[in-house]
Protein backbone atom coordinates (compact mmCIF):
# COMPACT_ATOMS: atom_id res chain seq x y z
CA MET A 1 -0.13 0.47 -0.12
CA ARG A 2 1.32 3.42 -0.97
CA VAL A 3 0.93 6.17 1.15
CA GLN A 4 0.99 9.71 1.38
CA PHE A 5 1.95 12.33 4.61
CA THR A 6 2.50 15.38 5.48
CA VAL A 7 3.88 16.22 8.92
CA THR A 8 4.51 19.78 10.68
CA ASP A 9 7.14 20.67 13.32
CA ASP A 10 6.96 21.81 16.32
CA ASP A 11 8.18 25.91 14.05
CA GLY A 12 5.60 25.29 12.20
CA GLN A 13 7.40 23.60 9.05
CA THR A 14 5.94 20.90 6.78
CA PHE A 15 6.97 18.27 5.86
CA GLN A 16 5.23 16.15 2.64
CA GLY A 17 6.46 12.47 1.94
CA GLU A 18 5.24 9.16 0.27
CA ALA A 19 5.83 5.44 1.59
CA ASP A 20 5.48 1.77 0.80
CA LEU A 21 3.74 0.08 3.59
CA ALA A 22 3.41 -3.35 4.35
CA PRO A 23 1.21 -5.34 6.34
CA ALA A 24 2.55 -5.64 9.54
CA GLY A 25 4.88 -9.65 10.22
CA THR A 26 6.09 -8.44 6.98
CA ARG A 27 9.26 -8.22 5.57
CA ARG A 28 8.38 -5.75 2.28
CA GLY A 29 10.00 -2.62 0.76
CA GLY A 30 12.34 0.03 2.81
CA ALA A 31 11.30 -2.31 6.68
CA ARG A 32 14.78 -2.73 8.27
CA ARG A 33 16.32 -4.88 11.13
CA ALA A 34 17.39 -2.42 13.19
CA ARG A 35 21.50 -2.56 13.70
CA PRO A 36 23.11 -3.37 17.15
CA THR A 37 24.50 -0.79 18.64
CA SER A 38 28.24 -0.60 18.81
CA ALA A 39 30.05 -1.88 21.46
CA PRO A 40 31.74 0.83 24.19
CA SER A 41 35.47 1.23 23.13
CA PRO A 42 37.14 -1.44 24.99
CA ALA A 43 39.95 0.83 26.13
CA ALA A 44 37.43 2.88 28.09
CA ASP A 45 35.65 -0.47 29.88
CA ALA A 46 38.62 -1.97 30.14
CA LYS A 47 41.22 -1.97 33.53
CA LEU A 48 44.40 0.08 32.72
CA ASP A 49 47.70 -1.93 33.46
CA PHE A 50 49.86 1.43 34.25
CA GLY A 51 52.33 -1.74 35.07
CA LEU A 52 53.33 -2.22 31.39
CA PRO A 53 56.09 -0.23 29.87
CA ILE A 54 55.42 3.21 28.81
CA ARG A 55 56.29 2.62 25.72
CA ALA A 56 53.53 -0.33 25.47
CA PHE A 57 51.77 1.14 28.05
CA LEU A 58 51.24 4.24 25.18
CA LYS A 59 50.81 2.27 22.01
CA LYS A 60 48.60 0.35 23.83
CA HIS A 61 46.10 3.55 24.42
CA ALA A 62 47.67 6.28 23.40
CA THR A 63 45.50 7.25 20.26
CA GLY A 64 43.85 10.42 19.08
CA GLY A 65 45.32 14.45 18.81
CA GLY A 66 48.03 15.53 21.46
CA PRO A 67 45.89 16.83 24.13
CA ARG A 68 44.43 12.87 24.60
CA LYS A 69 48.04 11.30 24.32
CA PHE A 70 49.67 14.33 26.95
CA ALA A 71 46.20 13.14 29.21
CA LEU A 72 47.08 9.51 29.11
CA LEU A 73 50.96 10.36 29.78
CA LEU A 74 50.29 12.34 32.37
CA ALA A 75 48.06 9.37 33.72
CA ARG A 76 50.92 7.01 33.39
CA MET A 77 53.37 8.81 34.77
CA THR A 78 50.69 8.91 37.94
CA GLY A 79 49.02 5.36 37.71
CA GLY A 80 46.55 7.14 37.04
CA LYS A 81 46.37 8.96 40.41
CA THR A 82 44.28 12.47 40.32
CA GLY A 83 46.35 15.50 42.91
CA VAL A 84 49.66 13.92 41.35
CA GLU A 85 51.97 16.84 40.12
CA VAL A 86 54.41 16.16 37.45
CA THR A 87 56.61 18.63 36.20
CA ARG A 88 56.38 19.76 32.30
CA GLU A 89 60.12 18.91 32.50
CA ALA A 90 59.25 15.54 33.14
CA VAL A 91 56.27 15.30 30.71
CA GLU A 92 58.35 16.86 28.08
CA LYS A 93 61.70 14.71 28.64
CA GLN A 94 59.06 11.86 28.46
CA TRP A 95 56.82 12.35 25.75
CA THR A 96 60.80 13.10 23.76
CA ARG A 97 61.51 9.13 24.82
CA ASN A 98 58.56 7.92 23.00
CA LYS A 99 57.63 10.38 20.45
CA GLY A 100 57.69 7.46 17.63
CA VAL A 101 54.58 6.22 19.63
CA LEU A 102 53.14 9.65 20.09
CA GLY A 103 54.32 10.72 16.56
CA GLY A 104 55.92 13.99 16.55
CA GLY A 105 57.85 16.83 19.56
CA PHE A 106 56.16 17.95 22.19
CA GLN A 107 53.56 21.12 21.84
CA ASP A 108 52.75 23.55 25.06
CA MET A 109 49.04 24.08 23.14
CA TYR A 110 48.39 20.24 24.15
CA THR A 111 48.57 20.98 27.64
CA THR A 112 46.21 24.13 27.48
CA ARG A 113 43.22 21.75 25.08
CA SER A 114 43.93 18.87 27.55
CA LYS A 115 42.47 21.48 30.32
CA GLY A 116 39.97 22.68 27.85
CA GLU A 117 38.32 19.37 28.10
CA GLY A 118 38.87 18.74 31.94
CA TRP A 119 41.31 16.04 31.77
CA THR A 120 43.83 17.72 33.13
CA ASP A 121 44.61 21.32 34.94
CA ALA A 122 47.71 23.13 36.50
CA GLY A 123 49.43 21.83 39.38
CA LYS A 124 49.72 24.07 42.54
CA THR A 125 53.30 24.63 42.36
CA ARG A 126 54.33 26.60 38.17
CA GLY A 127 55.13 24.38 35.57
CA THR A 128 53.74 21.32 37.32
CA PHE A 129 50.12 19.33 36.01
CA VAL A 130 47.61 17.05 37.79
CA LEU A 131 45.37 14.26 36.42
CA ARG A 132 41.50 15.30 36.99
CA ALA A 133 38.63 12.84 37.88
CA ASP A 134 37.39 13.30 34.07
CA TRP A 135 40.89 11.90 32.78
CA ARG A 136 39.63 8.34 31.43
CA GLN A 137 37.01 10.14 28.83
CA ALA A 138 40.68 10.92 26.85
CA LEU A 139 40.85 7.02 26.12
CA LYS A 140 37.29 7.58 24.56
């Protein structure tokens, strides 16, 4: 059966269309099965092994852009503990040692953008960084 319909949204816009309908219980025409939703990323749900060597940890978890990688490097350096201060020099040293895995040199903008996402913050001491409680969102 072919039907014509008109729909008006909350803003008063009118939409018109046509469709083929099939009796309930049959699979004809445009009827489709619902696709399963994608599962959450395993990295976000899995327990992180901070005992892994730093390079292996970064290779396994540090995907995406520089701010995500910065947050994950900081997480590895602090063992995932929030409030532990790490100096900029220590972060840059580890980044430089692992720049092959991290995809290039350390950039100060990574720290600013990571703070903007709420994953990291400045420590109480000048030139230090700390993890925030939401840092695990950088795994997604």
